[in-house]
């Protein structure tokens, strides 16, 4: 007997708001992305292993991790 298992990473765009970038310093649209990694068995996602929130600048492409409070401030 054998099991087919693996990890799947998906990104979900939460919102896009204008804010200042941490890298280029310009006031440009910032995308808030939530990245989740799930373990799956027989191609069925079962368990979330890792959840990361990212802020991506549309001007320079700079990506930085943000916490839940920063995400809520940008999504509003």
Protein backbone atom coordinates (compact mmCIF):
# COMPACT_ATOMS: atom_id res chain seq x y z
CA UNK A 1 0.00 0.00 0.00
CA UNK A 2 1.27 3.49 -0.80
CA UNK A 3 0.13 7.06 -0.26
CA UNK A 4 0.41 9.99 -2.62
CA UNK A 5 1.19 13.09 -0.59
CA UNK A 6 2.79 16.44 -1.18
CA UNK A 7 2.83 20.16 -0.44
CA UNK A 8 0.84 22.77 -2.34
CA UNK A 9 1.50 26.51 -2.14
CA UNK A 10 -1.21 28.93 -3.24
CA UNK A 11 -1.28 32.71 -3.29
CA UNK A 12 -4.44 34.76 -2.81
CA UNK A 13 -4.60 38.49 -3.53
CA UNK A 14 -6.29 40.11 -0.53
CA UNK A 15 -6.36 43.73 -1.74
CA UNK A 16 -4.48 46.52 -3.48
CA UNK A 17 -4.05 49.87 -1.73
CA UNK A 18 -1.84 52.90 -2.28
CA UNK A 19 0.87 53.26 0.36
CA UNK A 20 4.55 54.10 0.59
CA UNK A 21 6.98 51.34 -0.34
CA UNK A 22 9.63 50.19 2.15
CA UNK A 23 12.21 49.77 -0.64
CA UNK A 24 11.77 52.52 -3.23
CA UNK A 25 9.97 55.01 -0.93
CA UNK A 26 7.36 55.93 -3.56
CA UNK A 27 3.66 56.21 -2.90
CA UNK A 28 2.43 53.44 -5.21
CA UNK A 29 -0.18 50.65 -5.18
CA UNK A 30 0.79 47.88 -2.76
CA UNK A 31 -0.64 44.39 -3.11
CA UNK A 32 -1.43 42.38 0.02
CA UNK A 33 -0.98 38.69 -0.76
CA UNK A 34 -1.64 35.74 1.52
CA UNK A 35 0.45 32.64 0.76
CA UNK A 36 -0.65 29.29 2.22
CA UNK A 37 1.19 25.98 2.10
CA UNK A 38 -0.97 22.90 2.61
CA UNK A 39 -0.16 19.23 2.89
CA UNK A 40 -2.30 17.02 0.69
CA UNK A 41 -3.00 13.30 0.49
CA UNK A 42 -4.28 11.90 -2.79
CA UNK A 43 -4.50 15.47 -4.14
CA UNK A 44 -6.90 16.55 -1.38
CA UNK A 45 -5.59 19.46 0.77
CA UNK A 46 -5.86 18.50 4.42
CA UNK A 47 -3.78 20.70 6.67
CA UNK A 48 -2.36 24.22 6.48
CA UNK A 49 1.33 23.99 7.31
CA UNK A 50 2.43 27.59 6.75
CA UNK A 51 0.60 30.91 6.27
CA UNK A 52 2.52 34.02 5.19
CA UNK A 53 1.32 37.56 4.51
CA UNK A 54 3.23 39.63 1.97
CA UNK A 55 3.23 43.24 0.80
CA UNK A 56 4.34 43.60 -2.83
CA UNK A 57 5.11 46.98 -4.44
CA UNK A 58 3.78 47.32 -7.98
CA UNK A 59 6.41 49.95 -8.78
CA UNK A 60 9.68 48.22 -7.86
CA UNK A 61 8.51 44.65 -7.11
CA UNK A 62 9.89 44.76 -3.56
CA UNK A 63 8.37 42.07 -1.34
CA UNK A 64 8.26 42.12 2.44
CA UNK A 65 6.52 40.06 5.08
CA UNK A 66 3.87 41.79 7.15
CA UNK A 67 2.06 40.77 10.32
CA UNK A 68 -1.68 40.54 10.89
CA UNK A 69 -2.07 44.09 12.19
CA UNK A 70 -0.29 45.55 9.15
CA UNK A 71 -2.45 43.40 6.86
CA UNK A 72 -5.66 44.65 8.49
CA UNK A 73 -4.46 48.27 8.15
CA UNK A 74 -3.73 47.83 4.43
CA UNK A 75 -6.93 45.89 3.65
CA UNK A 76 -9.25 48.51 5.16
